[in-house]
Amino acid sequence: MTFETEDRAALRESVRNLLAKHSDSSAVRKAITAPEGYDAGLWERMVEQIGVAALAVPEDYDGVGASLAETHVVLEELGRTLTPSPMLGSAVLAAQALLLSGDTEACARLLPGIAAGEIAAVCWASAAGWSSPGVTATGDRLDGTAHYVLGGDVASTLLVLARDGDAVALFEVDPHATGVTRRRVPTMDPTRSLAQVRFDGVTGRPLACPADLVDRLRTVALIALSAEQVGAAQAALDLTVEYTKNRKQFGRVIGSFQALKHRMADMYALVETARSMSYAAALSQDTQDAYAAKVYCSEAFEQVAAETIQLHGGIAITWEHDAQLYFKRAHGTAQLFGQPREFLAAIGM
């Protein structure tokens, strides 16, 4: 099955053109320091002009009714420009958590707002990672701290995955409720803001939570993240090729040196293989494909980013150059939703 259909190609062009106008290198740096951690004006344009937040939301909940493959296209383009946005945390993770819950009342109440661009955040990981929630439920009382929450400090709705005995339960929480404390935390990747959300005796609103919700949500998260990784890896490669066409040493552009050609050819092979694995996972939404995409796309992006630094030389590690941002994004995404080694054993099962 071909990933790049006519409709997806048109969507890609629309997103790319909008980002070209409003999310260049200087705009990304400005967004990093914005109070929200992203450019709120750009997010509004993406939502209103293209409908990115509504893509994978069913029409019954005021969405477009497209598939996760369409959100994949948007995430790849956002990764290419390193644009900070609520797309992954809200329009993908939060929206899919609600849909996977099967709680039609909660979906009807919350999904129209998410489709319109409102921010929801999934509170999930413990300090050790995503294998176990950081929050514990005793009845409808929530205690503990959720770590690495995408958009947790600015969300208007919190969806909390909490340990409830040997099971996991899902709750809706008002972020302004008594006992909720939110703070943005320093990150290695400045283009993605993460938050800690602490719950001290907070009363949550229980939502339906099938036994397989966490596994299915992790599958969605890993595949979506691979789209960002592929887009960013392609951009890092393009940046490197362009630089080697212009940088001269010994009276020749360095891109003419055979050794550098070989290294860039290897980078190209990594990007294209990662793209194939990411697209296959996006179409199948299969857990094994998601794990494989997580492992391969993380390692491919890290290698491409490292080569980008090496082939640019000293300029690559200056704040003014974008290469260091791609390097930081590569290592940040490799850790998000679980380290690659956590999925290696499961791939062959």
Protein backbone atom coordinates (compact mmCIF):
# COMPACT_ATOMS: atom_id res chain seq x y z
CA MET A 1 0.00 0.00 0.00
CA THR A 2 1.36 3.41 -0.98
CA PHE A 3 1.64 5.93 1.82
CA GLU A 4 1.84 9.13 -0.21
CA THR A 5 -1.64 9.39 -1.72
CA GLU A 6 -2.84 12.44 -3.63
CA ASP A 7 -4.73 13.74 -0.59
CA ARG A 8 -1.75 13.28 1.74
CA ALA A 9 0.55 14.97 -0.75
CA ALA A 10 -1.81 17.97 -0.84
CA LEU A 11 -1.94 18.02 2.96
CA ARG A 12 1.85 17.88 3.14
CA GLU A 13 2.15 20.80 0.72
CA SER A 14 -0.32 22.89 2.72
CA VAL A 15 1.48 22.27 6.01
CA ARG A 16 4.91 22.81 4.47
CA ASN A 17 3.88 26.11 2.87
CA LEU A 18 2.39 27.39 6.12
CA LEU A 19 5.49 26.44 8.10
CA ALA A 20 7.74 28.04 5.47
CA LYS A 21 5.96 31.34 6.07
CA HIS A 22 5.68 31.21 9.86
CA SER A 23 8.21 28.73 11.28
CA ASP A 24 11.68 29.49 9.99
CA SER A 25 14.76 29.20 12.20
CA SER A 26 14.26 32.55 13.94
CA ALA A 27 10.57 31.85 14.54
CA VAL A 28 11.40 28.50 16.14
CA ARG A 29 13.85 30.18 18.51
CA LYS A 30 11.23 32.78 19.41
CA ALA A 31 8.64 30.07 20.04
CA ILE A 32 11.02 28.28 22.41
CA THR A 33 10.94 31.27 24.76
CA ALA A 34 7.19 31.93 24.48
CA PRO A 35 5.15 31.52 27.69
CA GLU A 36 3.28 28.59 26.14
CA GLY A 37 6.44 26.92 24.84
CA TYR A 38 5.13 27.22 21.28
CA ASP A 39 3.85 29.87 18.86
CA ALA A 40 0.18 30.16 19.77
CA GLY A 41 -0.55 32.21 16.65
CA LEU A 42 0.94 29.57 14.37
CA TRP A 43 -0.99 26.81 16.15
CA GLU A 44 -4.20 28.78 15.62
CA ARG A 45 -3.41 29.11 11.90
CA MET A 46 -2.69 25.40 11.59
CA VAL A 47 -5.94 24.54 13.31
CA GLU A 48 -8.14 27.03 11.47
CA GLN A 49 -6.58 26.95 8.00
CA ILE A 50 -5.66 23.26 7.73
CA GLY A 51 -7.56 21.58 10.56
CA VAL A 52 -4.57 19.65 11.88
CA ALA A 53 -6.01 19.08 15.36
CA ALA A 54 -9.21 17.61 13.92
CA LEU A 55 -7.66 15.21 11.41
CA ALA A 56 -7.96 11.94 13.34
CA VAL A 57 -11.06 12.95 15.30
CA PRO A 58 -14.27 11.30 14.02
CA GLU A 59 -16.89 13.49 12.39
CA ASP A 60 -19.30 12.64 15.22
CA TYR A 61 -17.04 14.69 17.50
CA ASP A 62 -16.59 17.65 15.12
CA GLY A 63 -13.48 16.18 13.54
CA VAL A 64 -12.38 15.58 9.96
CA GLY A 65 -12.66 11.81 10.27
CA ALA A 66 -9.32 11.10 8.58
CA SER A 67 -6.84 8.49 9.78
CA LEU A 68 -3.66 8.58 11.84
CA ALA A 69 -1.75 8.46 8.56
CA GLU A 70 -2.85 12.05 7.95
CA THR A 71 -1.58 13.17 11.34
CA HIS A 72 1.65 11.36 10.43
CA VAL A 73 2.14 13.73 7.50
CA VAL A 74 1.66 16.77 9.73
CA LEU A 75 4.06 15.46 12.38
CA GLU A 76 6.72 14.72 9.76
CA GLU A 77 6.54 18.31 8.54
CA LEU A 78 6.62 19.68 12.08
CA GLY A 79 9.67 17.51 12.76
CA ARG A 80 11.37 18.80 9.62
CA THR A 81 11.21 22.39 10.90
CA LEU A 82 11.48 21.50 14.63
CA THR A 83 8.33 23.56 15.16
CA PRO A 84 7.17 23.46 18.80
CA SER A 85 3.44 22.71 18.86
CA PRO A 86 0.72 20.86 20.81
CA MET A 87 0.17 18.47 17.89
CA LEU A 88 1.76 15.36 19.37
CA GLY A 89 0.68 15.83 22.98
CA SER A 90 -2.88 17.05 22.45
CA ALA A 91 -4.16 16.32 18.94
CA VAL A 92 -2.61 12.85 18.88
CA LEU A 93 -2.00 11.47 22.39
CA ALA A 94 -4.90 13.05 24.27
CA ALA A 95 -7.38 12.61 21.43
CA GLN A 96 -6.41 8.98 20.92
CA ALA A 97 -6.50 8.25 24.66
CA LEU A 98 -10.13 9.36 24.66
CA LEU A 99 -11.01 7.39 21.54
CA LEU A 100 -9.25 4.26 22.79
CA SER A 101 -11.08 4.52 26.10
CA GLY A 102 -14.37 3.92 24.33
CA ASP A 103 -16.01 6.42 26.70
CA THR A 104 -18.49 8.03 24.32
CA GLU A 105 -19.68 10.57 26.87
CA ALA A 106 -16.14 11.81 27.51
CA CYS A 107 -15.41 11.85 23.78
CA ALA A 108 -18.51 13.92 23.06
CA ARG A 109 -17.61 16.34 25.83
CA LEU A 110 -13.87 16.76 25.20
CA LEU A 111 -12.99 15.88 21.61
CA PRO A 112 -14.74 18.85 19.92
CA GLY A 113 -12.56 21.20 21.96
CA ILE A 114 -9.38 19.30 21.12
CA ALA A 115 -10.37 19.31 17.43
CA ALA A 116 -10.79 23.10 17.70
CA GLY A 117 -7.26 23.50 19.06
CA GLU A 118 -7.76 23.38 22.82
CA ILE A 119 -4.88 21.73 24.66
CA ALA A 120 -5.26 18.48 26.55
CA ALA A 121 -2.38 16.58 28.11
CA VAL A 122 -1.88 12.93 29.03
CA CYS A 123 -0.26 12.50 32.45
CA TRP A 124 1.40 9.13 32.26
CA ALA A 125 5.04 8.43 33.06
CA SER A 126 6.75 7.96 36.41
CA ALA A 127 10.26 9.28 37.00
CA ALA A 128 11.54 5.93 35.67
CA GLY A 129 9.63 6.20 32.41
CA TRP A 130 6.44 5.09 30.66
CA SER A 131 6.41 1.46 31.79
CA SER A 132 4.44 2.42 34.89
CA PRO A 133 2.29 5.48 35.71
CA GLY A 134 3.64 7.95 38.21
CA VAL A 135 0.23 8.56 39.79
CA THR A 136 -1.68 6.19 42.07
CA ALA A 137 -5.47 6.01 42.33
CA THR A 138 -7.35 5.13 45.50
CA GLY A 139 -10.94 5.15 44.39
CA ASP A 140 -11.18 8.52 42.64
CA ARG A 141 -8.40 10.09 44.74
CA LEU A 142 -5.14 10.71 42.87
CA ASP A 143 -1.69 11.03 44.43
CA GLY A 144 1.78 11.14 42.91
CA THR A 145 3.66 12.88 40.12
CA ALA A 146 3.39 12.44 36.37
CA HIS A 147 6.68 13.19 34.60
CA TYR A 148 7.59 14.22 31.05
CA VAL A 149 4.07 15.47 30.31
CA LEU A 150 3.78 17.05 26.87
CA GLY A 151 1.95 20.35 27.29
CA GLY A 152 1.19 19.60 30.92
CA ASP A 153 1.85 23.14 32.08
CA VAL A 154 -0.52 24.81 29.60
CA ALA A 155 -3.27 22.21 29.08
CA SER A 156 -6.89 23.05 29.89
CA THR A 157 -7.68 19.36 30.45
CA LEU A 158 -5.57 16.64 32.06
CA LEU A 159 -6.09 12.97 31.25
CA VAL A 160 -4.40 10.95 33.98
CA LEU A 161 -3.30 7.34 33.68
CA ALA A 162 -2.98 6.07 37.24
CA ARG A 163 -2.07 2.80 38.91
CA ASP A 164 -5.13 1.24 40.52
CA GLY A 165 -3.93 -1.93 42.21
CA ASP A 166 -2.65 -4.20 39.45
CA ALA A 167 -4.57 -2.30 36.78
CA VAL A 168 -4.40 1.14 35.20
CA ALA A 169 -7.31 3.59 35.39
CA LEU A 170 -8.01 6.75 33.36
CA PHE A 171 -9.23 9.99 34.93
CA GLU A 172 -10.14 13.45 33.76
CA VAL A 173 -8.83 16.25 35.97
CA ASP A 174 -9.28 20.00 35.93
CA PRO A 175 -5.72 21.42 35.99
CA HIS A 176 -6.91 24.20 38.29
CA ALA A 177 -8.32 21.81 40.87
CA THR A 178 -7.02 21.98 44.43
CA GLY A 179 -4.01 19.74 44.86
CA VAL A 180 -2.75 19.97 41.27
CA THR A 181 0.71 21.50 40.86
CA ARG A 182 2.23 22.00 37.41
CA ARG A 183 5.67 23.17 36.39
CA ARG A 184 7.68 23.14 33.21
CA VAL A 185 11.02 21.38 33.59
CA PRO A 186 14.37 21.97 31.85
CA THR A 187 14.88 19.72 28.84
CA MET A 188 17.82 18.75 26.66
CA ASP A 189 15.71 19.56 23.60
CA PRO A 190 14.61 23.20 23.88
CA THR A 191 12.12 22.79 21.02
CA ARG A 192 9.92 20.45 23.09
CA SER A 193 8.63 21.56 26.49
CA LEU A 194 7.82 18.95 29.13
CA ALA A 195 6.18 19.34 32.51
CA GLN A 196 5.81 17.64 35.86
CA VAL A 197 2.27 17.46 37.18
CA ARG A 198 1.82 16.60 40.85
CA PHE A 199 -1.44 15.38 42.39
CA ASP A 200 -2.00 15.65 46.14
CA GLY A 201 -5.34 14.12 47.06
CA VAL A 202 -6.96 15.32 43.85
CA THR A 203 -10.41 14.04 42.97
CA GLY A 204 -10.47 12.76 39.41
CA ARG A 205 -13.40 12.00 37.16
CA PRO A 206 -13.17 8.31 36.22
CA LEU A 207 -13.34 7.47 32.51
CA ALA A 208 -13.66 4.10 30.84
CA CYS A 209 -10.28 2.38 30.58
CA PRO A 210 -9.99 -0.93 28.70
CA ALA A 211 -7.22 -3.26 29.88
CA ASP A 212 -5.25 -2.74 26.67
CA LEU A 213 -5.52 1.06 26.56
CA VAL A 214 -1.95 1.73 27.69
CA ASP A 215 -0.43 -0.70 25.18
CA ARG A 216 -2.51 0.69 22.34
CA LEU A 217 -1.76 4.28 23.30
CA ARG A 218 1.97 3.52 23.44
CA THR A 219 1.72 2.06 19.92
CA VAL A 220 0.13 5.28 18.67
CA ALA A 221 2.72 7.39 20.49
CA LEU A 222 5.73 5.52 19.10
CA ILE A 223 4.48 5.62 15.52
CA ALA A 224 3.63 9.32 15.74
CA LEU A 225 7.05 10.08 17.20
CA SER A 226 8.75 8.22 14.34
CA ALA A 227 7.13 10.68 11.91
CA GLU A 228 8.81 13.59 13.69
CA GLN A 229 12.12 11.73 13.68
CA VAL A 230 12.00 11.04 9.95
CA GLY A 231 11.13 14.65 9.12
CA ALA A 232 13.92 15.98 11.32
CA ALA A 233 16.47 13.47 10.01
CA GLN A 234 15.65 14.48 6.43
CA ALA A 235 16.10 18.15 7.33
CA ALA A 236 19.46 17.44 9.00
CA LEU A 237 20.60 15.60 5.88
CA ASP A 238 19.44 18.45 3.63
CA LEU A 239 21.24 20.94 5.85
CA THR A 240 24.46 18.93 5.60
CA VAL A 241 24.31 18.46 1.83
CA GLU A 242 23.70 22.18 1.31
CA TYR A 243 26.60 23.09 3.59
CA THR A 244 29.04 20.76 1.83
CA LYS A 245 28.10 22.30 -1.51
CA ASN A 246 29.26 25.72 -0.31
CA ARG A 247 32.04 25.14 2.24
CA LYS A 248 35.49 25.18 0.66
CA GLN A 249 38.80 23.70 1.80
CA PHE A 250 42.00 23.48 -0.21
CA GLY A 251 40.28 25.37 -3.02
CA ARG A 252 37.46 22.82 -3.42
CA VAL A 253 33.96 22.51 -2.03
CA ILE A 254 34.12 19.81 0.62
CA GLY A 255 31.16 18.01 -0.91
CA SER A 256 33.40 16.96 -3.78
CA PHE A 257 35.61 14.86 -1.48
CA GLN A 258 34.86 11.18 -1.95
CA ALA A 259 35.03 10.37 1.75
CA LEU A 260 32.34 12.92 2.55
CA LYS A 261 30.18 11.70 -0.32
CA HIS A 262 30.27 8.22 1.18
CA ARG A 263 29.24 9.52 4.59
CA MET A 264 26.33 11.50 3.16
CA ALA A 265 25.25 8.47 1.12
CA ASP A 266 25.12 6.50 4.36
CA MET A 267 23.03 9.28 5.92
CA TYR A 268 20.64 9.14 2.97
CA ALA A 269 20.26 5.37 3.31
CA LEU A 270 19.47 5.75 7.02
CA VAL A 271 16.82 8.41 6.36
CA GLU A 272 15.10 6.47 3.58
CA THR A 273 15.06 3.22 5.53
CA ALA A 274 13.67 5.02 8.58
CA ARG A 275 11.01 6.63 6.40
CA SER A 276 9.94 3.23 5.05
CA MET A 277 9.65 1.77 8.54
CA SER A 278 7.77 4.78 9.85
CA TYR A 279 5.30 4.77 6.95
CA ALA A 280 4.72 1.02 7.25
CA ALA A 281 3.94 1.44 10.95
CA ALA A 282 1.64 4.40 10.25
CA LEU A 283 -0.41 2.33 7.83
CA SER A 284 -0.56 -0.82 9.96
CA GLN A 285 -0.80 0.72 13.46
CA ASP A 286 0.66 -2.60 14.59
CA THR A 287 2.51 -2.87 17.90
CA GLN A 288 5.44 -4.83 16.49
CA ASP A 289 5.83 -2.29 13.67
CA ALA A 290 5.66 0.51 16.23
CA TYR A 291 8.46 -1.04 18.29
CA ALA A 292 10.61 -1.56 15.19
CA ALA A 293 10.02 2.03 14.08
CA LYS A 294 10.93 3.34 17.54
CA VAL A 295 14.22 1.45 17.62
CA TYR A 296 15.31 2.07 14.04
CA CYS A 297 14.12 5.68 13.63
CA SER A 298 15.67 6.69 16.96
CA GLU A 299 19.06 5.20 16.09
CA ALA A 300 18.95 6.44 12.48
CA PHE A 301 18.14 10.00 13.54
CA GLU A 302 20.86 9.97 16.19
CA GLN A 303 23.44 8.80 13.64
CA VAL A 304 22.33 11.35 11.04
CA ALA A 305 22.40 14.15 13.62
CA ALA A 306 25.88 13.11 14.78
CA GLU A 307 27.15 13.14 11.20
CA THR A 308 25.53 16.53 10.68
CA ILE A 309 27.59 17.89 13.57
CA GLN A 310 30.79 16.25 12.32
CA LEU A 311 30.45 17.41 8.72
CA HIS A 312 29.61 20.98 9.70
CA GLY A 313 32.53 21.27 12.10
CA GLY A 314 32.68 23.79 14.92
CA ILE A 315 29.88 25.99 13.61
CA ALA A 316 27.40 23.18 14.27
CA ILE A 317 27.60 23.55 18.04
CA THR A 318 26.96 27.29 18.11
CA TRP A 319 23.52 28.49 19.24
CA GLU A 320 23.04 30.40 15.98
CA HIS A 321 23.23 27.25 13.84
CA ASP A 322 20.35 24.78 13.54
CA ALA A 323 22.53 21.65 13.56
CA GLN A 324 22.73 21.60 17.36
CA LEU A 325 18.94 21.77 17.60
CA TYR A 326 18.56 18.69 15.42
CA PHE A 327 21.20 16.91 17.50
CA LYS A 328 19.30 17.70 20.71
CA ARG A 329 15.97 16.69 19.17
CA ALA A 330 17.50 13.37 18.07
CA HIS A 331 18.62 12.47 21.57
CA GLY A 332 15.44 13.81 23.17
CA THR A 333 13.11 11.80 20.93
CA ALA A 334 15.17 8.65 21.47
CA GLN A 335 14.19 8.77 25.15
CA LEU A 336 10.56 9.84 24.73
CA PHE A 337 7.96 7.12 25.46
CA GLY A 338 10.74 4.68 26.35
CA GLN A 339 14.33 4.06 25.35
CA PRO A 340 14.94 1.97 22.21
CA ARG A 341 16.48 -0.89 24.18
CA GLU A 342 13.17 -1.36 26.02
CA PHE A 343 11.56 -2.53 22.77
CA LEU A 344 14.33 -4.67 21.30
CA ALA A 345 13.36 -7.87 23.09
CA ALA A 346 9.70 -7.46 22.11
CA ILE A 347 10.41 -7.04 18.39
CA GLY A 348 11.34 -10.69 17.87
CA MET A 349 8.46 -12.14 19.90
